[in-house]
Amino acid sequence: MVVLRWLIQRDVVVVPKSFRRERMAQNLDVFDFTLTEDQRGRIAMLDTRVSLFFDHRDPAMVSWLGGRRID
């Protein structure tokens, strides 16, 4: 829920996906609280700018991905 709220407060459009009714209700509960400036800053500092999968900022990786074709 905190991540959804953080994104919403940054004006990022979020589309949470869930099939479970309880989880859908939890996703809507993000509108009953706000994160402080300090909390948002601390969350933003968690970004290490390193991907666990691949570096989408690396021109060679972008070129490689752009060259993939789905048949």
N, C-alpha and C. Protein backbone atom coordinates (compact mmCIF):
# COMPACT_ATOMS: atom_id res chain seq x y z
N MET A 1 0.80 -1.19 0.00
CA MET A 1 0.00 0.00 0.00
C MET A 1 0.85 1.26 0.00
N VAL A 2 1.96 1.22 0.70
CA VAL A 2 2.81 2.40 0.79
C VAL A 2 3.36 2.76 -0.59
N VAL A 3 3.77 1.76 -1.35
CA VAL A 3 4.31 2.04 -2.69
C VAL A 3 3.25 2.66 -3.58
N LEU A 4 2.02 2.13 -3.51
CA LEU A 4 0.94 2.72 -4.30
C LEU A 4 0.72 4.17 -3.91
N ARG A 5 0.71 4.45 -2.61
CA ARG A 5 0.50 5.82 -2.14
C ARG A 5 1.64 6.72 -2.58
N TRP A 6 2.88 6.21 -2.50
CA TRP A 6 4.05 6.99 -2.90
C TRP A 6 3.95 7.38 -4.37
N LEU A 7 3.57 6.42 -5.21
CA LEU A 7 3.43 6.70 -6.63
C LEU A 7 2.31 7.71 -6.89
N ILE A 8 1.18 7.54 -6.23
CA ILE A 8 0.06 8.46 -6.41
C ILE A 8 0.45 9.88 -6.02
N GLN A 9 1.17 10.03 -4.91
CA GLN A 9 1.59 11.36 -4.47
C GLN A 9 2.62 11.97 -5.42
N ARG A 10 3.25 11.14 -6.25
CA ARG A 10 4.19 11.65 -7.25
C ARG A 10 3.50 11.87 -8.59
N ASP A 11 2.16 11.77 -8.60
CA ASP A 11 1.34 11.95 -9.81
C ASP A 11 1.62 10.90 -10.87
N VAL A 12 1.97 9.70 -10.42
CA VAL A 12 2.16 8.57 -11.33
C VAL A 12 0.85 7.79 -11.36
N VAL A 13 0.37 7.50 -12.55
CA VAL A 13 -0.86 6.73 -12.69
C VAL A 13 -0.54 5.27 -12.36
N VAL A 14 -1.30 4.72 -11.44
CA VAL A 14 -1.10 3.32 -11.04
C VAL A 14 -2.34 2.50 -11.37
N VAL A 15 -2.11 1.27 -11.79
CA VAL A 15 -3.20 0.35 -12.08
C VAL A 15 -2.89 -0.95 -11.33
N PRO A 16 -3.25 -1.00 -10.05
CA PRO A 16 -2.97 -2.22 -9.30
C PRO A 16 -3.85 -3.36 -9.79
N LYS A 17 -3.27 -4.53 -9.82
CA LYS A 17 -3.99 -5.71 -10.33
C LYS A 17 -4.19 -6.71 -9.20
N SER A 18 -5.41 -7.15 -9.05
CA SER A 18 -5.70 -8.20 -8.08
C SER A 18 -7.02 -8.86 -8.45
N PHE A 19 -7.11 -10.13 -8.16
CA PHE A 19 -8.34 -10.87 -8.37
C PHE A 19 -9.06 -11.11 -7.05
N ARG A 20 -8.33 -10.90 -5.94
CA ARG A 20 -8.91 -11.14 -4.62
C ARG A 20 -9.63 -9.90 -4.11
N ARG A 21 -10.86 -10.06 -3.68
CA ARG A 21 -11.69 -8.95 -3.20
C ARG A 21 -11.01 -8.19 -2.05
N GLU A 22 -10.40 -8.93 -1.12
CA GLU A 22 -9.74 -8.29 0.03
C GLU A 22 -8.60 -7.40 -0.42
N ARG A 23 -7.85 -7.88 -1.38
CA ARG A 23 -6.70 -7.11 -1.88
C ARG A 23 -7.17 -5.87 -2.64
N MET A 24 -8.25 -5.99 -3.38
CA MET A 24 -8.81 -4.83 -4.07
C MET A 24 -9.21 -3.75 -3.08
N ALA A 25 -9.83 -4.17 -1.98
CA ALA A 25 -10.22 -3.22 -0.94
C ALA A 25 -8.99 -2.56 -0.33
N GLN A 26 -7.93 -3.33 -0.10
CA GLN A 26 -6.69 -2.76 0.44
C GLN A 26 -6.10 -1.74 -0.52
N ASN A 27 -6.16 -2.03 -1.81
CA ASN A 27 -5.61 -1.09 -2.79
C ASN A 27 -6.35 0.23 -2.77
N LEU A 28 -7.63 0.21 -2.44
CA LEU A 28 -8.41 1.45 -2.36
C LEU A 28 -8.13 2.22 -1.07
N ASP A 29 -7.59 1.55 -0.07
CA ASP A 29 -7.29 2.20 1.21
C ASP A 29 -6.11 3.16 1.12
N VAL A 30 -5.47 3.28 -0.01
CA VAL A 30 -4.34 4.20 -0.14
C VAL A 30 -4.78 5.66 -0.12
N PHE A 31 -6.08 5.91 -0.19
CA PHE A 31 -6.57 7.28 -0.21
C PHE A 31 -6.94 7.80 1.18
N ASP A 32 -6.75 6.98 2.23
CA ASP A 32 -7.10 7.45 3.56
C ASP A 32 -5.87 7.86 4.38
N PHE A 33 -4.71 7.98 3.73
CA PHE A 33 -3.51 8.47 4.41
C PHE A 33 -2.61 9.14 3.38
N THR A 34 -1.67 9.92 3.87
CA THR A 34 -0.66 10.54 3.00
C THR A 34 0.71 10.31 3.62
N LEU A 35 1.71 10.34 2.77
CA LEU A 35 3.09 10.22 3.23
C LEU A 35 3.66 11.62 3.40
N THR A 36 4.46 11.80 4.44
CA THR A 36 5.09 13.10 4.66
C THR A 36 6.22 13.29 3.65
N GLU A 37 6.68 14.50 3.53
CA GLU A 37 7.81 14.80 2.64
C GLU A 37 9.03 13.97 3.03
N ASP A 38 9.26 13.84 4.35
CA ASP A 38 10.40 13.05 4.83
C ASP A 38 10.25 11.58 4.43
N GLN A 39 9.06 11.03 4.61
CA GLN A 39 8.83 9.63 4.24
C GLN A 39 9.02 9.42 2.74
N ARG A 40 8.50 10.33 1.93
CA ARG A 40 8.67 10.21 0.47
C ARG A 40 10.14 10.30 0.09
N GLY A 41 10.88 11.17 0.75
CA GLY A 41 12.31 11.29 0.48
C GLY A 41 13.08 10.04 0.85
N ARG A 42 12.72 9.45 1.98
CA ARG A 42 13.40 8.22 2.42
C ARG A 42 13.10 7.07 1.47
N ILE A 43 11.88 7.00 0.97
CA ILE A 43 11.54 5.96 -0.01
C ILE A 43 12.33 6.18 -1.29
N ALA A 44 12.42 7.43 -1.75
CA ALA A 44 13.14 7.73 -2.98
C ALA A 44 14.62 7.36 -2.85
N MET A 45 15.19 7.47 -1.66
CA MET A 45 16.60 7.12 -1.47
C MET A 45 16.86 5.63 -1.59
N LEU A 46 15.82 4.81 -1.57
CA LEU A 46 15.99 3.36 -1.73
C LEU A 46 16.39 2.99 -3.16
N ASP A 47 16.18 3.90 -4.09
CA ASP A 47 16.53 3.64 -5.49
C ASP A 47 18.04 3.66 -5.64
N THR A 48 18.62 2.51 -5.92
CA THR A 48 20.07 2.41 -6.10
C THR A 48 20.49 2.67 -7.54
N ARG A 49 19.50 2.87 -8.43
CA ARG A 49 19.71 3.10 -9.85
C ARG A 49 20.43 1.92 -10.51
N VAL A 50 20.27 0.73 -9.91
CA VAL A 50 20.83 -0.50 -10.45
C VAL A 50 19.69 -1.50 -10.57
N SER A 51 19.52 -2.04 -11.76
CA SER A 51 18.46 -3.01 -11.99
C SER A 51 18.90 -4.40 -11.57
N LEU A 52 17.97 -5.17 -11.03
CA LEU A 52 18.27 -6.55 -10.69
C LEU A 52 18.24 -7.44 -11.91
N PHE A 53 17.66 -6.95 -13.01
CA PHE A 53 17.49 -7.76 -14.20
C PHE A 53 18.44 -7.33 -15.32
N PHE A 54 18.35 -6.08 -15.73
CA PHE A 54 19.25 -5.53 -16.73
C PHE A 54 19.21 -4.01 -16.63
N ASP A 55 20.24 -3.38 -17.14
CA ASP A 55 20.32 -1.92 -17.07
C ASP A 55 19.66 -1.33 -18.30
N HIS A 56 18.45 -0.81 -18.14
CA HIS A 56 17.73 -0.24 -19.28
C HIS A 56 18.27 1.14 -19.66
N ARG A 57 19.29 1.63 -18.94
CA ARG A 57 19.94 2.89 -19.31
C ARG A 57 21.21 2.65 -20.15
N ASP A 58 21.62 1.39 -20.26
CA ASP A 58 22.82 1.02 -21.00
C ASP A 58 22.49 0.99 -22.50
N PRO A 59 23.15 1.85 -23.31
CA PRO A 59 22.85 1.88 -24.74
C PRO A 59 22.98 0.53 -25.44
N ALA A 60 23.93 -0.28 -25.04
CA ALA A 60 24.09 -1.60 -25.66
C ALA A 60 22.89 -2.49 -25.35
N MET A 61 22.41 -2.44 -24.12
CA MET A 61 21.25 -3.24 -23.74
C MET A 61 19.99 -2.74 -24.46
N VAL A 62 19.84 -1.44 -24.55
CA VAL A 62 18.68 -0.87 -25.24
C VAL A 62 18.69 -1.29 -26.70
N SER A 63 19.85 -1.26 -27.32
CA SER A 63 19.98 -1.67 -28.71
C SER A 63 19.64 -3.15 -28.86
N TRP A 64 20.16 -3.97 -27.97
CA TRP A 64 19.88 -5.40 -28.02
C TRP A 64 18.39 -5.67 -27.86
N LEU A 65 17.77 -5.03 -26.87
CA LEU A 65 16.33 -5.21 -26.65
C LEU A 65 15.52 -4.72 -27.84
N GLY A 66 15.92 -3.60 -28.41
CA GLY A 66 15.22 -3.05 -29.57
C GLY A 66 15.30 -3.94 -30.79
N GLY A 67 16.30 -4.80 -30.83
CA GLY A 67 16.47 -5.68 -31.97
C GLY A 67 15.73 -7.01 -31.85
N ARG A 68 15.11 -7.25 -30.70
CA ARG A 68 14.36 -8.51 -30.51
C ARG A 68 13.03 -8.44 -31.26
N ARG A 69 12.66 -9.53 -31.85
CA ARG A 69 11.40 -9.63 -32.58
C ARG A 69 10.55 -10.74 -31.99
N ILE A 70 9.29 -10.48 -31.87
CA ILE A 70 8.36 -11.51 -31.42
C ILE A 70 7.62 -12.03 -32.62
N ASP A 71 7.75 -13.31 -32.86
CA ASP A 71 7.08 -13.91 -34.02
C ASP A 71 5.76 -14.52 -33.64
